[in-house]
Protein backbone atom coordinates (compact mmCIF):
# COMPACT_ATOMS: atom_id res chain seq x y z
CA MET A 1 -11.24 -5.30 38.47
CA TYR A 2 -11.64 -4.08 34.87
CA GLU A 3 -12.95 -7.45 33.73
CA GLU A 4 -15.54 -7.45 36.50
CA LEU A 5 -16.68 -3.98 35.48
CA ALA A 6 -16.94 -5.09 31.85
CA LYS A 7 -18.86 -8.24 32.83
CA GLY A 8 -21.25 -6.00 34.74
CA GLU A 9 -22.09 -4.25 31.47
CA VAL A 10 -20.40 -0.96 32.30
CA GLY A 11 -20.49 1.01 29.06
CA LEU A 12 -17.27 2.98 29.58
CA ILE A 13 -14.47 2.19 31.99
CA VAL A 14 -12.02 4.95 32.88
CA THR A 15 -8.80 3.61 34.37
CA GLY A 16 -7.08 5.24 37.28
CA TYR A 17 -4.73 7.89 36.07
CA ALA A 18 -1.43 6.77 34.55
CA ASN A 19 1.80 8.70 34.88
CA ILE A 20 3.60 9.79 31.72
CA VAL A 21 7.07 10.37 33.20
CA GLU A 22 8.84 7.36 34.72
CA GLU A 23 10.61 9.25 37.49
CA GLU A 24 7.51 11.00 38.73
CA LYS A 25 4.74 9.08 40.45
CA PRO A 26 2.38 11.19 42.52
CA ASN A 27 0.93 7.96 43.98
CA ALA A 28 2.76 4.72 44.68
CA GLY A 29 1.61 1.78 42.57
CA MET A 30 -0.12 3.89 39.94
CA MET A 31 -0.33 2.83 36.31
CA GLY A 32 2.24 4.10 33.83
CA ILE A 33 2.40 4.82 30.12
CA TYR A 34 5.77 6.52 29.84
CA ASN A 35 7.29 4.22 27.21
CA ASP A 36 6.32 1.60 24.64
CA SER A 37 6.96 -1.32 27.00
CA PHE A 38 3.40 -0.93 28.31
CA ILE A 39 1.64 -1.26 24.97
CA GLU A 40 1.29 -5.05 24.78
CA GLU A 41 -0.18 -5.40 28.28
CA TYR A 42 -2.61 -2.54 27.73
CA LYS A 43 -3.64 -4.13 24.42
CA LYS A 44 -4.49 -7.30 26.35
CA LEU A 45 -6.52 -5.28 28.85
CA THR A 46 -8.37 -3.51 26.04
CA GLU A 47 -9.14 -6.78 24.27
CA LEU A 48 -10.39 -8.30 27.53
CA VAL A 49 -12.78 -5.42 28.14
CA HIS A 50 -13.95 -5.43 24.52
CA GLN A 51 -14.95 -9.11 24.85
CA TYR A 52 -17.83 -7.89 27.00
CA ASP A 53 -18.77 -5.03 24.66
CA SER A 54 -17.48 -2.40 27.07
CA LYS A 55 -15.17 0.48 26.20
CA ILE A 56 -12.08 1.54 28.12
CA VAL A 57 -10.09 4.76 28.19
CA MET A 58 -6.88 5.51 30.05
CA GLN A 59 -6.70 8.72 32.00
CA ILE A 60 -3.17 10.08 31.67
CA ALA A 61 -1.68 12.51 34.15
CA TYR A 62 1.41 14.51 34.83
CA GLY A 63 1.93 15.39 38.46
CA GLY A 64 4.24 18.33 37.82
CA THR A 65 5.21 20.09 41.02
CA LYS A 66 3.11 17.64 43.05
CA THR A 67 5.59 14.81 42.44
CA THR A 68 8.36 16.15 44.65
CA TYR A 69 8.84 18.71 47.36
CA ASN A 70 12.03 20.02 45.72
CA VAL A 71 11.17 21.30 42.25
CA GLY A 72 14.85 22.00 41.59
CA GLU A 73 15.63 18.28 41.41
CA ARG A 74 13.21 17.55 38.55
CA VAL A 75 12.46 18.82 35.08
CA ILE A 76 8.95 20.23 35.16
CA PHE A 77 6.99 19.95 31.91
CA ALA A 78 4.39 22.54 30.94
CA PRO A 79 2.10 23.26 27.98
CA SER A 80 4.14 26.32 26.99
CA ASP A 81 7.59 27.87 27.48
């Protein structure tokens, strides 16, 4: 999909949002970027898109309380204490 967008001369591709906490996925099958194991594959994706002179940016997201119905079972991260 991203290669097709780049081939079509899209100037900036924004990926679907990627979760930043492994245990919390608001949507099944979504992208992730919660540890360094993803770096090499995302480098390949970036290089592929750059071959067609397009740019790509990853939208990162944290689902917070939307990831589970029982907040007590998860650590919820926030921008402040």
